[in-house]
Amino acid sequence: MQLGDKAVGFLLTLTSLSIFTYYTFWVIILPFADSDHFIHKYFLPQEYAILIPVFAGVFLLALLSVFVGFVMLKSKKKKKTT
C-alpha cells in the first residue's frame, strides 16, 4: 500500500506543478508576448485567468459551508438524543 500512496502523491505533485507552471506562464509571461505570436493559441483569453480562480474559490467556499452546516446539524441531533 505504501508504494500506491507514493505514486498518488507523486501524481498529485506533478499535476499541481503543471497547473502552477501553466497558470504562471499564462498570467505573468504571456502578456509580454506579441498578440499574433503562435503561443497565444494554447491559452484562453486573459479574463479567464481571473474568472476561473474566482469561481473555483466561490465553489469551494460554498462546498465548505455546506459541509460545516451538515456537521453542525448532525452534531445538534446527536446532543438531543443523549
Protein backbone atom coordinates (compact mmCIF):
# COMPACT_ATOMS: atom_id res chain seq x y z
CA MET A 1 0.00 0.00 0.00
CA GLN A 2 2.90 2.34 0.67
CA LEU A 3 4.00 2.22 -2.99
CA GLY A 4 0.48 3.18 -4.11
CA ASP A 5 0.43 6.15 -1.74
CA LYS A 6 3.77 7.34 -3.10
CA ALA A 7 2.51 7.03 -6.66
CA VAL A 8 -0.64 9.03 -5.86
CA GLY A 9 1.43 11.66 -4.05
CA PHE A 10 3.82 11.91 -6.98
CA LEU A 11 0.92 12.21 -9.43
CA LEU A 12 -0.75 14.94 -7.35
CA THR A 13 2.54 16.82 -7.03
CA LEU A 14 3.19 16.59 -10.76
CA THR A 15 -0.34 17.76 -11.55
CA SER A 16 -0.08 20.69 -9.13
CA LEU A 17 3.28 21.77 -10.53
CA SER A 18 1.96 21.54 -14.09
CA ILE A 19 -1.08 23.68 -13.28
CA PHE A 20 1.06 26.19 -11.39
CA THR A 21 3.55 26.46 -14.26
CA TYR A 22 0.79 26.83 -16.87
CA TYR A 23 -1.05 29.49 -14.84
CA THR A 24 2.15 31.41 -14.03
CA PHE A 25 3.15 31.46 -17.68
CA TRP A 26 -0.39 32.48 -18.68
CA VAL A 27 -0.61 35.38 -16.22
CA ILE A 28 2.97 36.67 -15.96
CA ILE A 29 4.81 35.84 -19.19
CA LEU A 30 2.09 35.79 -21.86
CA PRO A 31 1.10 39.49 -21.64
CA PHE A 32 4.61 40.38 -22.81
CA ALA A 33 4.35 38.24 -25.97
CA ASP A 34 3.00 39.79 -29.16
CA SER A 35 -0.70 39.18 -29.67
CA ASP A 36 -0.08 37.46 -33.03
CA HIS A 37 2.51 35.04 -31.57
CA PHE A 38 1.66 31.36 -32.02
CA ILE A 39 1.84 30.68 -28.26
CA HIS A 40 -1.45 32.52 -27.70
CA LYS A 41 -3.42 29.69 -29.31
CA TYR A 42 -2.55 27.41 -26.35
CA PHE A 43 -4.11 29.72 -23.75
CA LEU A 44 -7.58 31.04 -23.01
CA PRO A 45 -8.21 34.81 -23.09
CA GLN A 46 -6.73 36.80 -20.20
CA GLU A 47 -10.07 37.48 -18.50
CA TYR A 48 -10.40 33.78 -17.72
CA ALA A 49 -7.16 33.99 -15.72
CA ILE A 50 -9.17 35.84 -13.07
CA LEU A 51 -12.62 34.30 -13.57
CA ILE A 52 -11.59 30.64 -13.22
CA PRO A 53 -9.86 31.01 -9.81
CA VAL A 54 -12.67 33.25 -8.51
CA PHE A 55 -15.37 30.75 -9.47
CA ALA A 56 -13.32 27.86 -8.11
CA GLY A 57 -12.86 29.72 -4.83
CA VAL A 58 -16.56 30.54 -4.52
CA PHE A 59 -17.46 26.93 -5.30
CA LEU A 60 -15.01 25.58 -2.71
CA LEU A 61 -16.22 28.08 -0.11
CA ALA A 62 -19.84 27.08 -0.76
CA LEU A 63 -18.92 23.40 -0.52
CA LEU A 64 -17.09 24.01 2.75
CA SER A 65 -20.06 25.96 4.13
CA VAL A 66 -22.47 23.14 3.26
CA PHE A 67 -20.14 20.61 4.89
CA VAL A 68 -19.81 22.66 8.09
CA GLY A 69 -23.58 23.18 8.19
CA PHE A 70 -24.19 19.46 7.74
CA VAL A 71 -21.75 18.60 10.53
CA MET A 72 -23.36 21.16 12.84
CA LEU A 73 -26.84 19.77 12.17
CA LYS A 74 -25.64 16.23 12.74
CA SER A 75 -23.93 17.27 15.98
CA LYS A 76 -27.11 19.01 17.15
CA LYS A 77 -29.19 15.87 16.53
CA LYS A 78 -26.66 13.79 18.47
CA LYS A 79 -26.92 16.08 21.51
CA LYS A 80 -30.73 15.82 21.54
CA THR A 81 -30.67 12.02 21.64
CA THR A 82 -28.23 11.80 24.56
